Each structure stands twice: as C-alpha cells, then as structure tokens.
Amino acid sequence: MEKTITASEVVRLMVRSYRRYERGEIGDSKAARENAILANILKAIEVSETEERLKAIENALSLSSLNEKYSDE
C-alpha cells in the first residue's frame, strides 16, 4: 500500500531540490523539471484538502438545517 504524501513533505522535497541546485549537484533544467512536478503535486494535495474541507462544511450545514427543521416542529 502506498503512503499518502503530505504538503509539508512536498515542500521539503522542493527545498531539497533547490539546495541541490544551489550546490551545483543538478542543473537548471533538472531543477526546473523537479520543481514543476513537485508544484503540480502540491497543487493537487491542496485542491484535495480543500475539497474535503468543503464537503465537511456542506455536511455540517446540511445537518444543521435538518436539526433546525425538526426542532421547529
């Protein structure tokens, strides 16, 4: 089973890539490719987390409105 990567782990990988670039261990194009891939992964994680939060808010609002409906009766 694959481990889910977190946003903070992606940021650490981005920093690691930057440091490798700064030390001359990787070139411009490899650093840019790595950063682009990691940025896309980070964006996907952020969108997924936002979607989960939105669903939780929608569920809470739905339950709240149901409670109000039945408490008025």
PDB file of N, CA and C in Angstrom:
ATOM      1  N   MET A   1       0.844  -1.176   0.000  1.00  0.00           N
ATOM      2  CA  MET A   1       0.000   0.000   0.000  1.00  0.00           C
ATOM      3  C   MET A   1       0.897   1.250   0.000  1.00  0.00           C
ATOM      4  N   GLU A   2       0.578   2.184  -0.866  1.00  0.00           N
ATOM      5  CA  GLU A   2       1.373   3.405  -0.964  1.00  0.00           C
ATOM      6  C   GLU A   2       1.009   4.383   0.133  1.00  0.00           C
ATOM      7  N   LYS A   3       2.045   5.055   0.644  1.00  0.00           N
ATOM      8  CA  LYS A   3       1.851   6.074   1.665  1.00  0.00           C
ATOM      9  C   LYS A   3       1.402   7.365   0.986  1.00  0.00           C
ATOM     10  N   THR A   4       0.445   8.048   1.581  1.00  0.00           N
ATOM     11  CA  THR A   4      -0.001   9.333   1.060  1.00  0.00           C
ATOM     12  C   THR A   4       1.014  10.397   1.432  1.00  0.00           C
ATOM     13  N   ILE A   5       1.436  11.171   0.465  1.00  0.00           N
ATOM     14  CA  ILE A   5       2.412  12.230   0.710  1.00  0.00           C
ATOM     15  C   ILE A   5       1.675  13.493   1.153  1.00  0.00           C
ATOM     16  N   THR A   6       2.262  14.205   2.085  1.00  0.00           N
ATOM     17  CA  THR A   6       1.641  15.418   2.607  1.00  0.00           C
ATOM     18  C   THR A   6       2.235  16.657   1.945  1.00  0.00           C
ATOM     19  N   ALA A   7       1.535  17.758   2.099  1.00  0.00           N
ATOM     20  CA  ALA A   7       2.019  19.021   1.542  1.00  0.00           C
ATOM     21  C   ALA A   7       3.370  19.399   2.142  1.00  0.00           C
ATOM     22  N   SER A   8       3.548  19.187   3.427  1.00  0.00           N
ATOM     23  CA  SER A   8       4.825  19.543   4.052  1.00  0.00           C
ATOM     24  C   SER A   8       5.964  18.686   3.527  1.00  0.00           C
ATOM     25  N   GLU A   9       5.682  17.439   3.193  1.00  0.00           N
ATOM     26  CA  GLU A   9       6.714  16.585   2.602  1.00  0.00           C
ATOM     27  C   GLU A   9       7.096  17.069   1.206  1.00  0.00           C
ATOM     28  N   VAL A  10       6.115  17.524   0.446  1.00  0.00           N
ATOM     29  CA  VAL A  10       6.404  18.057  -0.888  1.00  0.00           C
ATOM     30  C   VAL A  10       7.257  19.316  -0.773  1.00  0.00           C
ATOM     31  N   VAL A  11       6.923  20.173   0.172  1.00  0.00           N
ATOM     32  CA  VAL A  11       7.714  21.389   0.377  1.00  0.00           C
ATOM     33  C   VAL A  11       9.146  21.022   0.739  1.00  0.00           C
ATOM     34  N   ARG A  12       9.329  20.028   1.601  1.00  0.00           N
ATOM     35  CA  ARG A  12      10.686  19.587   1.948  1.00  0.00           C
ATOM     36  C   ARG A  12      11.444  19.109   0.712  1.00  0.00           C
ATOM     37  N   LEU A  13      10.766  18.377  -0.162  1.00  0.00           N
ATOM     38  CA  LEU A  13      11.401  17.912  -1.393  1.00  0.00           C
ATOM     39  C   LEU A  13      11.769  19.081  -2.299  1.00  0.00           C
ATOM     40  N   MET A  14      10.927  20.101  -2.339  1.00  0.00           N
ATOM     41  CA  MET A  14      11.228  21.287  -3.138  1.00  0.00           C
ATOM     42  C   MET A  14      12.472  21.997  -2.600  1.00  0.00           C
ATOM     43  N   VAL A  15      12.550  22.117  -1.291  1.00  0.00           N
ATOM     44  CA  VAL A  15      13.712  22.760  -0.672  1.00  0.00           C
ATOM     45  C   VAL A  15      14.966  21.928  -0.928  1.00  0.00           C
ATOM     46  N   ARG A  16      14.843  20.616  -0.820  1.00  0.00           N
ATOM     47  CA  ARG A  16      15.981  19.735  -1.085  1.00  0.00           C
ATOM     48  C   ARG A  16      16.468  19.902  -2.524  1.00  0.00           C
ATOM     49  N   SER A  17      15.534  19.969  -3.457  1.00  0.00           N
ATOM     50  CA  SER A  17      15.900  20.170  -4.862  1.00  0.00           C
ATOM     51  C   SER A  17      16.600  21.510  -5.051  1.00  0.00           C
ATOM     52  N   TYR A  18      16.080  22.537  -4.417  1.00  0.00           N
ATOM     53  CA  TYR A  18      16.695  23.860  -4.513  1.00  0.00           C
ATOM     54  C   TYR A  18      18.123  23.847  -3.962  1.00  0.00           C
ATOM     55  N   ARG A  19      18.304  23.198  -2.829  1.00  0.00           N
ATOM     56  CA  ARG A  19      19.646  23.131  -2.236  1.00  0.00           C
ATOM     57  C   ARG A  19      20.614  22.367  -3.139  1.00  0.00           C
ATOM     58  N   ARG A  20      20.130  21.291  -3.750  1.00  0.00           N
ATOM     59  CA  ARG A  20      20.981  20.548  -4.690  1.00  0.00           C
ATOM     60  C   ARG A  20      21.370  21.436  -5.867  1.00  0.00           C
ATOM     61  N   TYR A  21      20.440  22.234  -6.330  1.00  0.00           N
ATOM     62  CA  TYR A  21      20.717  23.175  -7.420  1.00  0.00           C
ATOM     63  C   TYR A  21      21.754  24.208  -6.979  1.00  0.00           C
ATOM     64  N   GLU A  22      21.557  24.766  -5.795  1.00  0.00           N
ATOM     65  CA  GLU A  22      22.480  25.776  -5.279  1.00  0.00           C
ATOM     66  C   GLU A  22      23.901  25.235  -5.125  1.00  0.00           C
ATOM     67  N   ARG A  23      24.020  23.959  -4.757  1.00  0.00           N
ATOM     68  CA  ARG A  23      25.342  23.351  -4.598  1.00  0.00           C
ATOM     69  C   ARG A  23      25.939  22.891  -5.930  1.00  0.00           C
ATOM     70  N   GLY A  24      25.162  23.027  -7.003  1.00  0.00           N
ATOM     71  CA  GLY A  24      25.643  22.620  -8.316  1.00  0.00           C
ATOM     72  C   GLY A  24      25.530  21.130  -8.589  1.00  0.00           C
ATOM     73  N   GLU A  25      24.756  20.430  -7.751  1.00  0.00           N
ATOM     74  CA  GLU A  25      24.589  18.989  -7.920  1.00  0.00           C
ATOM     75  C   GLU A  25      23.647  18.652  -9.067  1.00  0.00           C
ATOM     76  N   ILE A  26      22.730  19.566  -9.369  1.00  0.00           N
ATOM     77  CA  ILE A  26      21.831  19.386 -10.518  1.00  0.00           C
ATOM     78  C   ILE A  26      21.811  20.684 -11.312  1.00  0.00           C
ATOM     79  N   GLY A  27      21.516  20.556 -12.589  1.00  0.00           N
ATOM     80  CA  GLY A  27      21.494  21.714 -13.466  1.00  0.00           C
ATOM     81  C   GLY A  27      20.161  22.435 -13.467  1.00  0.00           C
ATOM     82  N   ASP A  28      20.125  23.518 -14.232  1.00  0.00           N
ATOM     83  CA  ASP A  28      18.921  24.347 -14.334  1.00  0.00           C
ATOM     84  C   ASP A  28      17.704  23.552 -14.783  1.00  0.00           C
ATOM     85  N   SER A  29      17.863  22.796 -15.858  1.00  0.00           N
ATOM     86  CA  SER A  29      16.699  22.105 -16.427  1.00  0.00           C
ATOM     87  C   SER A  29      16.172  21.021 -15.495  1.00  0.00           C
ATOM     88  N   LYS A  30      17.077  20.277 -14.856  1.00  0.00           N
ATOM     89  CA  LYS A  30      16.616  19.240 -13.927  1.00  0.00           C
ATOM     90  C   LYS A  30      15.930  19.877 -12.723  1.00  0.00           C
ATOM     91  N   ALA A  31      16.493  20.963 -12.197  1.00  0.00           N
ATOM     92  CA  ALA A  31      15.867  21.655 -11.061  1.00  0.00           C
ATOM     93  C   ALA A  31      14.487  22.178 -11.451  1.00  0.00           C
ATOM     94  N   ALA A  32      14.378  22.732 -12.640  1.00  0.00           N
ATOM     95  CA  ALA A  32      13.083  23.259 -13.106  1.00  0.00           C
ATOM     96  C   ALA A  32      12.065  22.134 -13.272  1.00  0.00           C
ATOM     97  N   ARG A  33      12.489  21.001 -13.832  1.00  0.00           N
ATOM     98  CA  ARG A  33      11.575  19.862 -14.003  1.00  0.00           C
ATOM     99  C   ARG A  33      11.101  19.332 -12.657  1.00  0.00           C
ATOM    100  N   GLU A  34      12.067  19.161 -11.741  1.00  0.00           N
ATOM    101  CA  GLU A  34      11.696  18.665 -10.414  1.00  0.00           C
ATOM    102  C   GLU A  34      10.717  19.618  -9.734  1.00  0.00           C
ATOM    103  N   ASN A  35      11.012  20.909  -9.808  1.00  0.00           N
ATOM    104  CA  ASN A  35      10.142  21.892  -9.174  1.00  0.00           C
ATOM    105  C   ASN A  35       8.748  21.894  -9.808  1.00  0.00           C
ATOM    106  N   ALA A  36       8.677  21.772 -11.115  1.00  0.00           N
ATOM    107  CA  ALA A  36       7.377  21.760 -11.798  1.00  0.00           C
ATOM    108  C   ALA A  36       6.555  20.545 -11.372  1.00  0.00           C
ATOM    109  N   ILE A  37       7.188  19.396 -11.307  1.00  0.00           N
ATOM    110  CA  ILE A  37       6.488  18.177 -10.888  1.00  0.00           C
ATOM    111  C   ILE A  37       5.999  18.318  -9.450  1.00  0.00           C
ATOM    112  N   LEU A  38       6.892  18.776  -8.581  1.00  0.00           N
ATOM    113  CA  LEU A  38       6.526  18.931  -7.172  1.00  0.00           C
ATOM    114  C   LEU A  38       5.447  19.991  -6.984  1.00  0.00           C
ATOM    115  N   ALA A  39       5.511  21.069  -7.755  1.00  0.00           N
ATOM    116  CA  ALA A  39       4.481  22.111  -7.665  1.00  0.00           C
ATOM    117  C   ALA A  39       3.122  21.561  -8.071  1.00  0.00           C
ATOM    118  N   ASN A  40       3.085  20.711  -9.091  1.00  0.00           N
ATOM    119  CA  ASN A  40       1.821  20.100  -9.516  1.00  0.00           C
ATOM    120  C   ASN A  40       1.283  19.154  -8.447  1.00  0.00           C
ATOM    121  N   ILE A  41       2.168  18.405  -7.823  1.00  0.00           N
ATOM    122  CA  ILE A  41       1.743  17.505  -6.745  1.00  0.00           C
ATOM    123  C   ILE A  41       1.200  18.316  -5.572  1.00  0.00           C
ATOM    124  N   LEU A  42       1.907  19.381  -5.221  1.00  0.00           N
ATOM    125  CA  LEU A  42       1.465  20.235  -4.117  1.00  0.00           C
ATOM    126  C   LEU A  42       0.086  20.832  -4.409  1.00  0.00           C
ATOM    127  N   LYS A  43      -0.127  21.302  -5.620  1.00  0.00           N
ATOM    128  CA  LYS A  43      -1.420  21.873  -6.006  1.00  0.00           C
ATOM    129  C   LYS A  43      -2.529  20.824  -5.894  1.00  0.00           C
ATOM    130  N   ALA A  44      -2.240  19.606  -6.331  1.00  0.00           N
ATOM    131  CA  ALA A  44      -3.234  18.530  -6.244  1.00  0.00           C
ATOM    132  C   ALA A  44      -3.590  18.224  -4.795  1.00  0.00           C
ATOM    133  N   ILE A  45      -2.588  18.212  -3.932  1.00  0.00           N
ATOM    134  CA  ILE A  45      -2.839  17.979  -2.500  1.00  0.00           C
ATOM    135  C   ILE A  45      -3.705  19.100  -1.938  1.00  0.00           C
ATOM    136  N   GLU A  46      -3.363  20.343  -2.270  1.00  0.00           N
ATOM    137  CA  GLU A  46      -4.127  21.486  -1.763  1.00  0.00           C
ATOM    138  C   GLU A  46      -5.578  21.441  -2.233  1.00  0.00           C
ATOM    139  N   VAL A  47      -5.795  21.101  -3.499  1.00  0.00           N
ATOM    140  CA  VAL A  47      -7.155  21.017  -4.035  1.00  0.00           C
ATOM    141  C   VAL A  47      -7.925  19.903  -3.333  1.00  0.00           C
ATOM    142  N   SER A  48      -7.272  18.773  -3.139  1.00  0.00           N
ATOM    143  CA  SER A  48      -7.916  17.644  -2.478  1.00  0.00           C
ATOM    144  C   SER A  48      -8.297  17.982  -1.040  1.00  0.00           C
ATOM    145  N   GLU A  49      -7.378  18.644  -0.322  1.00  0.00           N
ATOM    146  CA  GLU A  49      -7.671  19.034   1.062  1.00  0.00           C
ATOM    147  C   GLU A  49      -8.795  20.066   1.126  1.00  0.00           C
ATOM    148  N   THR A  50      -8.809  20.992   0.196  1.00  0.00           N
ATOM    149  CA  THR A  50      -9.879  21.997   0.149  1.00  0.00           C
ATOM    150  C   THR A  50     -11.217  21.333  -0.137  1.00  0.00           C
ATOM    151  N   GLU A  51     -11.214  20.368  -1.044  1.00  0.00           N
ATOM    152  CA  GLU A  51     -12.443  19.640  -1.368  1.00  0.00           C
ATOM    153  C   GLU A  51     -12.970  18.900  -0.144  1.00  0.00           C
ATOM    154  N   GLU A  52     -12.088  18.255   0.614  1.00  0.00           N
ATOM    155  CA  GLU A  52     -12.500  17.542   1.823  1.00  0.00           C
ATOM    156  C   GLU A  52     -13.093  18.501   2.854  1.00  0.00           C
ATOM    157  N   ARG A  53     -12.461  19.658   3.017  1.00  0.00           N
ATOM    158  CA  ARG A  53     -12.976  20.652   3.972  1.00  0.00           C
ATOM    159  C   ARG A  53     -14.341  21.170   3.535  1.00  0.00           C
ATOM    160  N   LEU A  54     -14.488  21.422   2.257  1.00  0.00           N
ATOM    161  CA  LEU A  54     -15.759  21.908   1.736  1.00  0.00           C
ATOM    162  C   LEU A  54     -16.865  20.883   1.958  1.00  0.00           C
ATOM    163  N   LYS A  55     -16.579  19.627   1.714  1.00  0.00           N
ATOM    164  CA  LYS A  55     -17.574  18.573   1.948  1.00  0.00           C
ATOM    165  C   LYS A  55     -17.966  18.519   3.419  1.00  0.00           C
ATOM    166  N   ALA A  56     -16.985  18.676   4.300  1.00  0.00           N
ATOM    167  CA  ALA A  56     -17.276  18.658   5.737  1.00  0.00           C
ATOM    168  C   ALA A  56     -18.168  19.837   6.124  1.00  0.00           C
ATOM    169  N   ILE A  57     -17.894  21.007   5.554  1.00  0.00           N
ATOM    170  CA  ILE A  57     -18.716  22.191   5.825  1.00  0.00           C
ATOM    171  C   ILE A  57     -20.122  21.984   5.284  1.00  0.00           C
ATOM    172  N   GLU A  58     -20.220  21.468   4.071  1.00  0.00           N
ATOM    173  CA  GLU A  58     -21.541  21.219   3.480  1.00  0.00           C
ATOM    174  C   GLU A  58     -22.328  20.225   4.323  1.00  0.00           C
ATOM    175  N   ASN A  59     -21.668  19.170   4.801  1.00  0.00           N
ATOM    176  CA  ASN A  59     -22.347  18.182   5.649  1.00  0.00           C
ATOM    177  C   ASN A  59     -22.798  18.805   6.962  1.00  0.00           C
ATOM    178  N   ALA A  60     -21.946  19.637   7.547  1.00  0.00           N
ATOM    179  CA  ALA A  60     -22.310  20.292   8.808  1.00  0.00           C
ATOM    180  C   ALA A  60     -23.496  21.226   8.606  1.00  0.00           C
ATOM    181  N   LEU A  61     -23.499  21.966   7.514  1.00  0.00           N
ATOM    182  CA  LEU A  61     -24.620  22.863   7.233  1.00  0.00           C
ATOM    183  C   LEU A  61     -25.891  22.087   6.964  1.00  0.00           C
ATOM    184  N   SER A  62     -25.769  20.988   6.273  1.00  0.00           N
ATOM    185  CA  SER A  62     -26.930  20.160   5.981  1.00  0.00           C
ATOM    186  C   SER A  62     -27.525  19.600   7.269  1.00  0.00           C
ATOM    187  N   LEU A  63     -26.679  19.108   8.157  1.00  0.00           N
ATOM    188  CA  LEU A  63     -27.158  18.582   9.442  1.00  0.00           C
ATOM    189  C   LEU A  63     -27.772  19.689  10.281  1.00  0.00           C
ATOM    190  N   SER A  64     -27.153  20.857  10.233  1.00  0.00           N
ATOM    191  CA  SER A  64     -27.662  21.991  10.999  1.00  0.00           C
ATOM    192  C   SER A  64     -29.052  22.389  10.516  1.00  0.00           C
ATOM    193  N   SER A  65     -29.240  22.428   9.202  1.00  0.00           N
ATOM    194  CA  SER A  65     -30.550  22.818   8.676  1.00  0.00           C
ATOM    195  C   SER A  65     -31.598  21.751   8.977  1.00  0.00           C
ATOM    196  N   LEU A  66     -31.182  20.475   8.977  1.00  0.00           N
ATOM    197  CA  LEU A  66     -32.121  19.410   9.345  1.00  0.00           C
ATOM    198  C   LEU A  66     -32.519  19.526  10.807  1.00  0.00           C
ATOM    199  N   ASN A  67     -31.571  19.806  11.670  1.00  0.00           N
ATOM    200  CA  ASN A  67     -31.865  19.972  13.088  1.00  0.00           C
ATOM    201  C   ASN A  67     -32.818  21.135  13.321  1.00  0.00           C
ATOM    202  N   GLU A  68     -32.608  22.231  12.606  1.00  0.00           N
ATOM    203  CA  GLU A  68     -33.491  23.385  12.731  1.00  0.00           C
ATOM    204  C   GLU A  68     -34.892  23.050  12.251  1.00  0.00           C
ATOM    205  N   LYS A  69     -34.974  22.307  11.155  1.00  0.00           N
ATOM    206  CA  LYS A  69     -36.281  21.936  10.595  1.00  0.00           C
ATOM    207  C   LYS A  69     -37.091  21.111  11.575  1.00  0.00           C
ATOM    208  N   TYR A  70     -36.445  20.111  12.214  1.00  0.00           N
ATOM    209  CA  TYR A  70     -37.157  19.249  13.116  1.00  0.00           C
ATOM    210  C   TYR A  70     -37.361  19.862  14.498  1.00  0.00           C
ATOM    211  N   SER A  71     -36.547  20.821  14.884  1.00  0.00           N
ATOM    212  CA  SER A  71     -36.743  21.447  16.189  1.00  0.00           C
ATOM    213  C   SER A  71     -37.899  22.453  16.154  1.00  0.00           C
ATOM    214  N   ASP A  72     -38.256  22.920  14.943  1.00  0.00           N
ATOM    215  CA  ASP A  72     -39.364  23.866  14.789  1.00  0.00           C
ATOM    216  C   ASP A  72     -40.714  23.161  14.844  1.00  0.00           C
ATOM    217  N   GLU A  73     -40.722  21.863  14.686  1.00  0.00           N
ATOM    218  CA  GLU A  73     -41.998  21.135  14.617  1.00  0.00           C
ATOM    219  C   GLU A  73     -42.590  20.864  15.966  1.00  0.00           C
TER     220      GLU A  73
END
